[in-house]
Amino acid sequence: MYLCICRAISEKCVQKAIESGCSSFEAIVEETGLSQGCGNCVCYAKEQCSLLLVEILEGKKEVNQSNAA
Protein backbone atom coordinates (compact mmCIF):
# COMPACT_ATOMS: atom_id res chain seq x y z
CA MET A 1 0.00 0.00 0.00
CA TYR A 2 1.23 3.52 -0.76
CA LEU A 3 1.92 5.78 2.19
CA CYS A 4 2.81 8.75 -0.04
CA ILE A 5 1.20 8.98 -3.45
CA CYS A 6 3.17 12.06 -4.59
CA ARG A 7 6.49 10.25 -4.18
CA ALA A 8 5.12 6.71 -4.75
CA ILE A 9 6.53 5.58 -1.40
CA SER A 10 5.05 2.24 -0.41
CA GLU A 11 4.91 0.46 2.91
CA LYS A 12 7.46 -2.00 1.50
CA CYS A 13 9.86 0.88 0.77
CA VAL A 14 9.54 2.07 4.37
CA GLN A 15 10.09 -1.48 5.64
CA LYS A 16 13.32 -1.68 3.65
CA ALA A 17 14.46 1.68 5.06
CA ILE A 18 13.84 0.44 8.61
CA GLU A 19 15.61 -2.84 7.92
CA SER A 20 18.59 -0.89 6.56
CA GLY A 21 18.91 1.09 9.79
CA CYS A 22 16.35 3.91 9.92
CA SER A 23 14.95 4.08 13.44
CA SER A 24 12.80 7.22 13.40
CA PHE A 25 10.24 8.94 11.20
CA GLU A 26 12.76 11.66 10.40
CA ALA A 27 15.35 9.10 9.27
CA ILE A 28 12.75 7.37 7.09
CA VAL A 29 11.80 10.71 5.51
CA GLU A 30 15.45 11.50 4.82
CA GLU A 31 16.09 8.05 3.33
CA THR A 32 12.93 7.72 1.21
CA GLY A 33 11.52 11.21 0.59
CA LEU A 34 8.28 10.15 2.30
CA SER A 35 5.75 12.99 2.74
CA GLN A 36 7.96 15.49 0.93
CA GLY A 37 5.46 16.18 -1.87
CA CYS A 38 2.19 17.92 -1.05
CA GLY A 39 2.33 17.00 2.65
CA ASN A 40 -1.21 15.63 2.90
CA CYS A 41 0.06 12.21 3.97
CA VAL A 42 2.22 13.36 6.92
CA CYS A 43 -0.16 12.31 9.72
CA TYR A 44 -0.99 8.95 8.15
CA ALA A 45 2.66 8.33 7.22
CA LYS A 46 3.85 9.08 10.77
CA GLU A 47 1.25 6.72 12.21
CA GLN A 48 2.13 3.91 9.82
CA CYS A 49 5.87 4.42 10.26
CA SER A 50 5.47 4.20 14.04
CA LEU A 51 3.61 0.92 13.69
CA LEU A 52 6.18 -0.47 11.26
CA LEU A 53 9.09 0.63 13.46
CA VAL A 54 7.64 -1.18 16.46
CA GLU A 55 6.76 -4.26 14.45
CA ILE A 56 10.13 -4.57 12.72
CA LEU A 57 12.41 -3.47 15.56
CA GLU A 58 10.59 -5.62 18.13
CA GLY A 59 10.84 -8.56 15.73
CA LYS A 60 14.59 -8.05 15.46
CA LYS A 61 14.89 -7.79 19.22
CA GLU A 62 13.03 -11.11 19.68
CA VAL A 63 15.27 -12.80 17.10
CA ASN A 64 18.40 -11.48 18.82
CA GLN A 65 17.17 -12.65 22.22
CA SER A 66 16.39 -16.14 20.94
CA ASN A 67 19.81 -16.35 19.27
CA ALA A 68 21.51 -15.36 22.55
CA ALA A 69 19.72 -18.11 24.50
C-alpha atoms as a PDB file:
ATOM      1  CA  MET A   1       0.000   0.000   0.000  1.00  0.00           C
ATOM      2  CA  TYR A   2       1.232   3.519  -0.761  1.00  0.00           C
ATOM      3  CA  LEU A   3       1.924   5.783   2.192  1.00  0.00           C
ATOM      4  CA  CYS A   4       2.809   8.753  -0.040  1.00  0.00           C
ATOM      5  CA  ILE A   5       1.202   8.985  -3.447  1.00  0.00           C
ATOM      6  CA  CYS A   6       3.173  12.059  -4.589  1.00  0.00           C
ATOM      7  CA  ARG A   7       6.489  10.251  -4.184  1.00  0.00           C
ATOM      8  CA  ALA A   8       5.125   6.715  -4.754  1.00  0.00           C
ATOM      9  CA  ILE A   9       6.526   5.575  -1.400  1.00  0.00           C
ATOM     10  CA  SER A  10       5.055   2.242  -0.409  1.00  0.00           C
ATOM     11  CA  GLU A  11       4.910   0.457   2.915  1.00  0.00           C
ATOM     12  CA  LYS A  12       7.462  -1.997   1.505  1.00  0.00           C
ATOM     13  CA  CYS A  13       9.863   0.877   0.769  1.00  0.00           C
ATOM     14  CA  VAL A  14       9.537   2.070   4.371  1.00  0.00           C
ATOM     15  CA  GLN A  15      10.087  -1.476   5.645  1.00  0.00           C
ATOM     16  CA  LYS A  16      13.324  -1.676   3.646  1.00  0.00           C
ATOM     17  CA  ALA A  17      14.457   1.676   5.063  1.00  0.00           C
ATOM     18  CA  ILE A  18      13.841   0.443   8.609  1.00  0.00           C
ATOM     19  CA  GLU A  19      15.612  -2.836   7.918  1.00  0.00           C
ATOM     20  CA  SER A  20      18.587  -0.893   6.563  1.00  0.00           C
ATOM     21  CA  GLY A  21      18.908   1.092   9.791  1.00  0.00           C
ATOM     22  CA  CYS A  22      16.354   3.912   9.923  1.00  0.00           C
ATOM     23  CA  SER A  23      14.946   4.080  13.442  1.00  0.00           C
ATOM     24  CA  SER A  24      12.796   7.221  13.399  1.00  0.00           C
ATOM     25  CA  PHE A  25      10.237   8.937  11.197  1.00  0.00           C
ATOM     26  CA  GLU A  26      12.765  11.665  10.403  1.00  0.00           C
ATOM     27  CA  ALA A  27      15.349   9.100   9.272  1.00  0.00           C
ATOM     28  CA  ILE A  28      12.748   7.373   7.086  1.00  0.00           C
ATOM     29  CA  VAL A  29      11.800  10.715   5.510  1.00  0.00           C
ATOM     30  CA  GLU A  30      15.447  11.498   4.815  1.00  0.00           C
ATOM     31  CA  GLU A  31      16.090   8.047   3.328  1.00  0.00           C
ATOM     32  CA  THR A  32      12.930   7.723   1.212  1.00  0.00           C
ATOM     33  CA  GLY A  33      11.517  11.205   0.591  1.00  0.00           C
ATOM     34  CA  LEU A  34       8.276  10.149   2.302  1.00  0.00           C
ATOM     35  CA  SER A  35       5.754  12.992   2.744  1.00  0.00           C
ATOM     36  CA  GLN A  36       7.958  15.490   0.925  1.00  0.00           C
ATOM     37  CA  GLY A  37       5.464  16.182  -1.868  1.00  0.00           C
ATOM     38  CA  CYS A  38       2.186  17.919  -1.048  1.00  0.00           C
ATOM     39  CA  GLY A  39       2.329  17.000   2.650  1.00  0.00           C
ATOM     40  CA  ASN A  40      -1.206  15.625   2.897  1.00  0.00           C
ATOM     41  CA  CYS A  41       0.061  12.208   3.969  1.00  0.00           C
ATOM     42  CA  VAL A  42       2.217  13.359   6.917  1.00  0.00           C
ATOM     43  CA  CYS A  43      -0.165  12.313   9.724  1.00  0.00           C
ATOM     44  CA  TYR A  44      -0.990   8.955   8.153  1.00  0.00           C
ATOM     45  CA  ALA A  45       2.656   8.330   7.218  1.00  0.00           C
ATOM     46  CA  LYS A  46       3.847   9.077  10.769  1.00  0.00           C
ATOM     47  CA  GLU A  47       1.251   6.722  12.211  1.00  0.00           C
ATOM     48  CA  GLN A  48       2.129   3.909   9.819  1.00  0.00           C
ATOM     49  CA  CYS A  49       5.869   4.415  10.262  1.00  0.00           C
ATOM     50  CA  SER A  50       5.474   4.204  14.036  1.00  0.00           C
ATOM     51  CA  LEU A  51       3.611   0.920  13.688  1.00  0.00           C
ATOM     52  CA  LEU A  52       6.175  -0.474  11.262  1.00  0.00           C
ATOM     53  CA  LEU A  53       9.087   0.632  13.455  1.00  0.00           C
ATOM     54  CA  VAL A  54       7.642  -1.177  16.462  1.00  0.00           C
ATOM     55  CA  GLU A  55       6.763  -4.264  14.447  1.00  0.00           C
ATOM     56  CA  ILE A  56      10.135  -4.570  12.723  1.00  0.00           C
ATOM     57  CA  LEU A  57      12.413  -3.468  15.558  1.00  0.00           C
ATOM     58  CA  GLU A  58      10.594  -5.624  18.127  1.00  0.00           C
ATOM     59  CA  GLY A  59      10.836  -8.559  15.726  1.00  0.00           C
ATOM     60  CA  LYS A  60      14.593  -8.046  15.456  1.00  0.00           C
ATOM     61  CA  LYS A  61      14.887  -7.795  19.223  1.00  0.00           C
ATOM     62  CA  GLU A  62      13.032 -11.111  19.676  1.00  0.00           C
ATOM     63  CA  VAL A  63      15.267 -12.804  17.101  1.00  0.00           C
ATOM     64  CA  ASN A  64      18.402 -11.484  18.824  1.00  0.00           C
ATOM     65  CA  GLN A  65      17.171 -12.645  22.216  1.00  0.00           C
ATOM     66  CA  SER A  66      16.392 -16.145  20.941  1.00  0.00           C
ATOM     67  CA  ASN A  67      19.811 -16.347  19.273  1.00  0.00           C
ATOM     68  CA  ALA A  68      21.509 -15.360  22.548  1.00  0.00           C
ATOM     69  CA  ALA A  69      19.721 -18.108  24.497  1.00  0.00           C
END
